Amino acid sequence: MKTVIVIGASGKIGQAAMKGLGNHRVITASRSGEGCDYRVDTTDKASLRALFESVGKFDAVISAAGHCEYAPFASMTEEQWDATIQGKLVGQMNIVKVGLDHIENGGSFTLISGILNVKPMPEGIADATTSGAIDTFVKCVAYELPRGIRINAVNPTVIEEAWSVYGEMMPGYQPVPGALVGKAFERCVDSFITGQVIFVDA
């Protein structure tokens, strides 16, 4: 049994991720903290450090967190770009950077990207750009992590449980069951792969 921290556990992807972690001790965290064990702000390294120190020993971190703004490129504001870059990209990089000082030898990080960097949709430019950056970050930083620590990313399409929220924005996309996304997270935590992007798409 591993101790796994799931950041963004209160969201739809976080809930999906936990479907594959039944054999492990799961610690939950989110920005609001509602319904979770801890509250954490991934854009604040001190907040992440406090989380990891409070948990103590842990073997894996799953990130299902990352706020994105949606708007046409021509009208997207600097504030919207910054919110997405900090929330989805920098925040997840912070998880890895700070987490390296606390995670057990041979541990793993699993980040979340998203299908829009390979299947773009209108008004999804910020999400697509940061998702592509996360996929690249994972592929490259895997070569630099010490102590046998692994890192991967799950790149899912929209899940069935969130279709009511995103369906109108994504005509022609086929949602997948959250349990299938959970299997991808399970593989990242329990296998030996590293530097991989696991696509979950129909």
C-alpha atoms as a PDB file:
ATOM      1  CA  MET A   1       0.000   0.000   0.000  1.00  0.00           C
ATOM      2  CA  LYS A   2       1.288   3.426  -0.987  1.00  0.00           C
ATOM      3  CA  THR A   3       0.409   6.796   0.459  1.00  0.00           C
ATOM      4  CA  VAL A   4      -0.877   8.923  -2.431  1.00  0.00           C
ATOM      5  CA  ILE A   5      -1.693  12.632  -2.257  1.00  0.00           C
ATOM      6  CA  VAL A   6      -4.383  13.718  -4.721  1.00  0.00           C
ATOM      7  CA  ILE A   7      -4.391  17.464  -5.314  1.00  0.00           C
ATOM      8  CA  GLY A   8      -7.585  18.720  -6.891  1.00  0.00           C
ATOM      9  CA  ALA A   9      -9.455  15.808  -5.349  1.00  0.00           C
ATOM     10  CA  SER A  10     -12.787  17.619  -5.179  1.00  0.00           C
ATOM     11  CA  GLY A  11     -13.017  18.098  -8.964  1.00  0.00           C
ATOM     12  CA  LYS A  12     -14.349  15.680 -11.561  1.00  0.00           C
ATOM     13  CA  ILE A  13     -10.898  14.550 -12.696  1.00  0.00           C
ATOM     14  CA  GLY A  14      -9.747  14.211  -9.105  1.00  0.00           C
ATOM     15  CA  GLN A  15     -12.717  12.008  -8.360  1.00  0.00           C
ATOM     16  CA  ALA A  16     -11.932   9.967 -11.457  1.00  0.00           C
ATOM     17  CA  ALA A  17      -8.290   9.607 -10.424  1.00  0.00           C
ATOM     18  CA  MET A  18      -9.289   8.147  -7.079  1.00  0.00           C
ATOM     19  CA  LYS A  19     -11.308   5.408  -8.761  1.00  0.00           C
ATOM     20  CA  GLY A  20      -8.002   3.678  -9.517  1.00  0.00           C
ATOM     21  CA  LEU A  21      -6.457   4.049  -6.058  1.00  0.00           C
ATOM     22  CA  GLY A  22      -8.535   1.644  -4.011  1.00  0.00           C
ATOM     23  CA  ASN A  23      -5.481  -0.307  -2.873  1.00  0.00           C
ATOM     24  CA  HIS A  24      -3.740   2.728  -1.460  1.00  0.00           C
ATOM     25  CA  ARG A  25      -3.962   5.219   1.390  1.00  0.00           C
ATOM     26  CA  VAL A  26      -5.272   8.389  -0.250  1.00  0.00           C
ATOM     27  CA  ILE A  27      -4.756  11.896   1.144  1.00  0.00           C
ATOM     28  CA  THR A  28      -6.940  14.541  -0.495  1.00  0.00           C
ATOM     29  CA  ALA A  29      -6.297  18.241  -1.010  1.00  0.00           C
ATOM     30  CA  SER A  30      -7.816  21.063  -3.032  1.00  0.00           C
ATOM     31  CA  ARG A  31      -7.723  24.820  -3.365  1.00  0.00           C
ATOM     32  CA  SER A  32     -10.948  25.270  -1.389  1.00  0.00           C
ATOM     33  CA  GLY A  33     -10.302  22.403   0.984  1.00  0.00           C
ATOM     34  CA  GLU A  34     -13.994  21.530   0.967  1.00  0.00           C
ATOM     35  CA  GLY A  35     -14.519  17.834   1.530  1.00  0.00           C
ATOM     36  CA  CYS A  36     -10.758  17.215   1.551  1.00  0.00           C
ATOM     37  CA  ASP A  37      -8.133  16.479   4.170  1.00  0.00           C
ATOM     38  CA  TYR A  38      -6.117  19.608   3.362  1.00  0.00           C
ATOM     39  CA  ARG A  39      -6.348  22.951   1.642  1.00  0.00           C
ATOM     40  CA  VAL A  40      -3.541  23.883  -0.749  1.00  0.00           C
ATOM     41  CA  ASP A  41      -2.738  26.568  -3.316  1.00  0.00           C
ATOM     42  CA  THR A  42      -0.422  25.119  -5.949  1.00  0.00           C
ATOM     43  CA  THR A  43       0.644  28.585  -7.095  1.00  0.00           C
ATOM     44  CA  ASP A  44       2.096  29.181  -3.600  1.00  0.00           C
ATOM     45  CA  LYS A  45       5.215  27.123  -2.827  1.00  0.00           C
ATOM     46  CA  ALA A  46       4.841  27.784   0.901  1.00  0.00           C
ATOM     47  CA  SER A  47       1.340  26.310   0.793  1.00  0.00           C
ATOM     48  CA  LEU A  48       2.632  23.192  -0.957  1.00  0.00           C
ATOM     49  CA  ARG A  49       5.514  22.869   1.483  1.00  0.00           C
ATOM     50  CA  ALA A  50       3.095  23.040   4.397  1.00  0.00           C
ATOM     51  CA  LEU A  51       0.944  20.313   2.823  1.00  0.00           C
ATOM     52  CA  PHE A  52       3.837  17.927   2.267  1.00  0.00           C
ATOM     53  CA  GLU A  53       5.266  18.522   5.739  1.00  0.00           C
ATOM     54  CA  SER A  54       1.861  17.906   7.309  1.00  0.00           C
ATOM     55  CA  VAL A  55       1.333  14.632   5.449  1.00  0.00           C
ATOM     56  CA  GLY A  56       4.794  13.323   6.267  1.00  0.00           C
ATOM     57  CA  LYS A  57       5.981  10.289   4.320  1.00  0.00           C
ATOM     58  CA  PHE A  58       4.262   9.747   0.964  1.00  0.00           C
ATOM     59  CA  ASP A  59       4.971   7.740  -2.160  1.00  0.00           C
ATOM     60  CA  ALA A  60       3.068   9.486  -4.928  1.00  0.00           C
ATOM     61  CA  VAL A  61       1.411  12.768  -5.829  1.00  0.00           C
ATOM     62  CA  ILE A  62      -1.386  13.060  -8.349  1.00  0.00           C
ATOM     63  CA  SER A  63      -2.280  16.498  -9.636  1.00  0.00           C
ATOM     64  CA  ALA A  64      -5.801  16.880 -10.962  1.00  0.00           C
ATOM     65  CA  ALA A  65      -5.687  20.636 -10.458  1.00  0.00           C
ATOM     66  CA  GLY A  66      -5.403  23.458 -12.927  1.00  0.00           C
ATOM     67  CA  HIS A  67      -7.688  26.408 -13.537  1.00  0.00           C
ATOM     68  CA  CYS A  68      -8.149  27.440 -17.177  1.00  0.00           C
ATOM     69  CA  GLU A  69      -9.787  30.470 -18.773  1.00  0.00           C
ATOM     70  CA  TYR A  70     -11.659  30.079 -22.067  1.00  0.00           C
ATOM     71  CA  ALA A  71     -11.982  32.879 -24.617  1.00  0.00           C
ATOM     72  CA  PRO A  72     -11.097  33.631 -28.251  1.00  0.00           C
ATOM     73  CA  PHE A  73      -7.387  34.364 -28.678  1.00  0.00           C
ATOM     74  CA  ALA A  74      -8.027  37.879 -30.011  1.00  0.00           C
ATOM     75  CA  SER A  75     -10.007  38.931 -26.954  1.00  0.00           C
ATOM     76  CA  MET A  76      -8.243  36.935 -24.226  1.00  0.00           C
ATOM     77  CA  THR A  77      -6.830  39.318 -21.644  1.00  0.00           C
ATOM     78  CA  GLU A  78      -3.432  39.262 -20.019  1.00  0.00           C
ATOM     79  CA  GLU A  79      -5.156  38.421 -16.742  1.00  0.00           C
ATOM     80  CA  GLN A  80      -6.847  35.383 -18.304  1.00  0.00           C
ATOM     81  CA  TRP A  81      -3.579  34.146 -19.764  1.00  0.00           C
ATOM     82  CA  ASP A  82      -1.804  34.646 -16.454  1.00  0.00           C
ATOM     83  CA  ALA A  83      -4.525  32.841 -14.496  1.00  0.00           C
ATOM     84  CA  THR A  84      -4.266  29.818 -16.792  1.00  0.00           C
ATOM     85  CA  ILE A  85      -0.474  29.733 -16.945  1.00  0.00           C
ATOM     86  CA  GLN A  86      -0.164  30.034 -13.162  1.00  0.00           C
ATOM     87  CA  GLY A  87      -3.085  27.723 -12.387  1.00  0.00           C
ATOM     88  CA  LYS A  88      -2.471  24.883 -14.835  1.00  0.00           C
ATOM     89  CA  LEU A  89       1.222  25.043 -15.734  1.00  0.00           C
ATOM     90  CA  VAL A  90       3.281  26.775 -13.054  1.00  0.00           C
ATOM     91  CA  GLY A  91       1.201  25.327 -10.222  1.00  0.00           C
ATOM     92  CA  GLN A  92       1.892  21.773 -11.390  1.00  0.00           C
ATOM     93  CA  MET A  93       5.579  22.504 -11.889  1.00  0.00           C
ATOM     94  CA  ASN A  94       5.591  23.800  -8.309  1.00  0.00           C
ATOM     95  CA  ILE A  95       4.151  20.498  -7.102  1.00  0.00           C
ATOM     96  CA  VAL A  96       7.131  18.670  -8.565  1.00  0.00           C
ATOM     97  CA  LYS A  97       9.745  21.228  -7.525  1.00  0.00           C
ATOM     98  CA  VAL A  98       8.610  21.418  -3.905  1.00  0.00           C
ATOM     99  CA  GLY A  99       7.586  17.785  -3.722  1.00  0.00           C
ATOM    100  CA  LEU A 100      11.076  16.570  -4.605  1.00  0.00           C
ATOM    101  CA  ASP A 101      12.248  17.562  -1.137  1.00  0.00           C
ATOM    102  CA  HIS A 102       9.588  15.413   0.535  1.00  0.00           C
ATOM    103  CA  ILE A 103       8.624  12.414  -1.623  1.00  0.00           C
ATOM    104  CA  GLU A 104      10.031   8.965  -0.838  1.00  0.00           C
ATOM    105  CA  ASN A 105      12.741   7.343  -2.939  1.00  0.00           C
ATOM    106  CA  GLY A 106      11.211   5.723  -6.010  1.00  0.00           C
ATOM    107  CA  GLY A 107       8.090   7.852  -5.680  1.00  0.00           C
ATOM    108  CA  SER A 108       6.072   9.288  -8.530  1.00  0.00           C
ATOM    109  CA  PHE A 109       4.344  12.431  -9.709  1.00  0.00           C
ATOM    110  CA  THR A 110       1.405  12.317 -12.106  1.00  0.00           C
ATOM    111  CA  LEU A 111       0.267  15.590 -13.675  1.00  0.00           C
ATOM    112  CA  ILE A 112      -2.848  16.427 -15.665  1.00  0.00           C
ATOM    113  CA  SER A 113      -2.831  17.996 -19.138  1.00  0.00           C
ATOM    114  CA  GLY A 114      -5.740  17.683 -21.571  1.00  0.00           C
ATOM    115  CA  ILE A 115      -6.733  16.675 -25.075  1.00  0.00           C
ATOM    116  CA  LEU A 116      -7.035  20.210 -26.456  1.00  0.00           C
ATOM    117  CA  ASN A 117      -3.340  20.403 -27.336  1.00  0.00           C
ATOM    118  CA  VAL A 118      -3.914  17.645 -29.915  1.00  0.00           C
ATOM    119  CA  LYS A 119      -7.622  18.200 -30.628  1.00  0.00           C
ATOM    120  CA  PRO A 120      -8.160  21.959 -30.322  1.00  0.00           C
ATOM    121  CA  MET A 121     -11.545  23.576 -29.909  1.00  0.00           C
ATOM    122  CA  PRO A 122     -12.757  27.183 -30.206  1.00  0.00           C
ATOM    123  CA  GLU A 123     -11.868  29.388 -27.222  1.00  0.00           C
ATOM    124  CA  GLY A 124      -9.588  26.697 -25.786  1.00  0.00           C
ATOM    125  CA  ILE A 125      -6.238  28.250 -26.742  1.00  0.00           C
ATOM    126  CA  ALA A 126      -4.991  28.800 -23.177  1.00  0.00           C
ATOM    127  CA  ASP A 127      -5.913  25.276 -22.096  1.00  0.00           C
ATOM    128  CA  ALA A 128      -4.334  23.814 -25.241  1.00  0.00           C
ATOM    129  CA  THR A 129      -1.122  25.800 -24.808  1.00  0.00           C
ATOM    130  CA  THR A 130      -0.610  24.893 -21.164  1.00  0.00           C
ATOM    131  CA  SER A 131      -1.553  21.258 -21.759  1.00  0.00           C
ATOM    132  CA  GLY A 132       1.087  21.032 -24.465  1.00  0.00           C
ATOM    133  CA  ALA A 133       3.625  22.602 -22.129  1.00  0.00           C
ATOM    134  CA  ILE A 134       2.819  20.096 -19.371  1.00  0.00           C
ATOM    135  CA  ASP A 135       3.238  17.160 -21.743  1.00  0.00           C
ATOM    136  CA  THR A 136       6.634  18.506 -22.828  1.00  0.00           C
ATOM    137  CA  PHE A 137       7.698  19.258 -19.246  1.00  0.00           C
ATOM    138  CA  VAL A 138       6.966  15.682 -18.178  1.00  0.00           C
ATOM    139  CA  LYS A 139       8.822  14.140 -21.110  1.00  0.00           C
ATOM    140  CA  CYS A 140      11.938  16.211 -20.426  1.00  0.00           C
ATOM    141  CA  VAL A 141      12.108  16.529 -16.637  1.00  0.00           C
ATOM    142  CA  ALA A 142      11.869  12.737 -16.265  1.00  0.00           C
ATOM    143  CA  TYR A 143      15.557  12.606 -17.224  1.00  0.00           C
ATOM    144  CA  GLU A 144      16.502  14.940 -14.370  1.00  0.00           C
ATOM    145  CA  LEU A 145      14.614  13.580 -11.378  1.00  0.00           C
ATOM    146  CA  PRO A 146      16.793  12.034  -8.641  1.00  0.00           C
ATOM    147  CA  ARG A 147      16.405   8.986  -6.387  1.00  0.00           C
ATOM    148  CA  GLY A 148      14.469   6.877  -8.881  1.00  0.00           C
ATOM    149  CA  ILE A 149      11.516   9.276  -8.826  1.00  0.00           C
ATOM    150  CA  ARG A 150       9.158   8.965 -11.778  1.00  0.00           C
ATOM    151  CA  ILE A 151       6.865  11.467 -13.496  1.00  0.00           C
ATOM    152  CA  ASN A 152       4.067  11.054 -16.042  1.00  0.00           C
ATOM    153  CA  ALA A 153       1.050  12.922 -17.318  1.00  0.00           C
ATOM    154  CA  VAL A 154      -2.508  11.866 -18.007  1.00  0.00           C
ATOM    155  CA  ASN A 155      -3.978  13.639 -21.021  1.00  0.00           C
ATOM    156  CA  PRO A 156      -7.728  12.949 -21.060  1.00  0.00           C
ATOM    157  CA  THR A 157     -10.593  14.063 -23.186  1.00  0.00           C
ATOM    158  CA  VAL A 158     -13.716  15.261 -21.393  1.00  0.00           C
ATOM    159  CA  ILE A 159     -15.176  12.665 -19.032  1.00  0.00           C
ATOM    160  CA  GLU A 160     -18.818  11.621 -18.973  1.00  0.00           C
ATOM    161  CA  GLU A 161     -19.251  13.001 -15.470  1.00  0.00           C
ATOM    162  CA  ALA A 162     -18.355  16.510 -16.717  1.00  0.00           C
ATOM    163  CA  TRP A 163     -20.200  16.392 -20.045  1.00  0.00           C
ATOM    164  CA  SER A 164     -23.076  18.484 -18.708  1.00  0.00           C
ATOM    165  CA  VAL A 165     -20.605  21.301 -18.029  1.00  0.00           C
ATOM    166  CA  TYR A 166     -18.368  21.093 -21.114  1.00  0.00           C
ATOM    167  CA  GLY A 167     -20.516  19.330 -23.710  1.00  0.00           C
ATOM    168  CA  GLU A 168     -21.800  22.476 -25.407  1.00  0.00           C
ATOM    169  CA  MET A 169     -18.221  23.737 -25.776  1.00  0.00           C
ATOM    170  CA  MET A 170     -17.044  20.478 -27.357  1.00  0.00           C
ATOM    171  CA  PRO A 171     -19.309  19.463 -30.258  1.00  0.00           C
ATOM    172  CA  GLY A 172     -18.071  16.316 -31.945  1.00  0.00           C
ATOM    173  CA  TYR A 173     -16.014  15.148 -28.962  1.00  0.00           C
ATOM    174  CA  GLN A 174     -16.788  11.765 -27.423  1.00  0.00           C
ATOM    175  CA  PRO A 175     -16.643  11.722 -23.616  1.00  0.00           C
ATOM    176  CA  VAL A 176     -15.090   8.760 -21.807  1.00  0.00           C
ATOM    177  CA  PRO A 177     -16.015   7.211 -18.439  1.00  0.00           C
ATOM    178  CA  GLY A 178     -14.210   8.665 -15.458  1.00  0.00           C
ATOM    179  CA  ALA A 179     -13.247   5.123 -14.432  1.00  0.00           C
ATOM    180  CA  LEU A 180     -11.169   4.834 -17.630  1.00  0.00           C
ATOM    181  CA  VAL A 181      -9.245   7.974 -16.677  1.00  0.00           C
ATOM    182  CA  GLY A 182      -8.823   6.460 -13.218  1.00  0.00           C
ATOM    183  CA  LYS A 183      -7.096   3.477 -14.829  1.00  0.00           C
ATOM    184  CA  ALA A 184      -4.573   5.813 -16.438  1.00  0.00           C
ATOM    185  CA  PHE A 185      -3.737   7.365 -13.079  1.00  0.00           C
ATOM    186  CA  GLU A 186      -3.487   3.894 -11.547  1.00  0.00           C
ATOM    187  CA  ARG A 187      -0.982   2.886 -14.209  1.00  0.00           C
ATOM    188  CA  CYS A 188       1.129   5.957 -13.513  1.00  0.00           C
ATOM    189  CA  VAL A 189       1.204   5.274  -9.772  1.00  0.00           C
ATOM    190  CA  ASP A 190       1.664   1.502  -9.829  1.00  0.00           C
ATOM    191  CA  SER A 191       3.771   0.750 -12.906  1.00  0.00           C
ATOM    192  CA  PHE A 192       7.396   1.584 -13.712  1.00  0.00           C
ATOM    193  CA  ILE A 193       6.812   4.036 -16.566  1.00  0.00           C
ATOM    194  CA  THR A 194       8.273   7.525 -16.527  1.00  0.00           C
ATOM    195  CA  GLY A 195       8.358  10.467 -18.906  1.00  0.00           C
ATOM    196  CA  GLN A 196       5.155   9.251 -20.543  1.00  0.00           C
ATOM    197  CA  VAL A 197       1.951  11.004 -21.574  1.00  0.00           C
ATOM    198  CA  ILE A 198      -1.037   8.664 -21.342  1.00  0.00           C
ATOM    199  CA  PHE A 199      -3.818   9.760 -23.660  1.00  0.00           C
ATOM    200  CA  VAL A 200      -7.355   8.766 -22.691  1.00  0.00           C
ATOM    201  CA  ASP A 201      -9.585   9.447 -25.667  1.00  0.00           C
ATOM    202  CA  ALA A 202     -12.419   7.767 -27.497  1.00  0.00           C
END
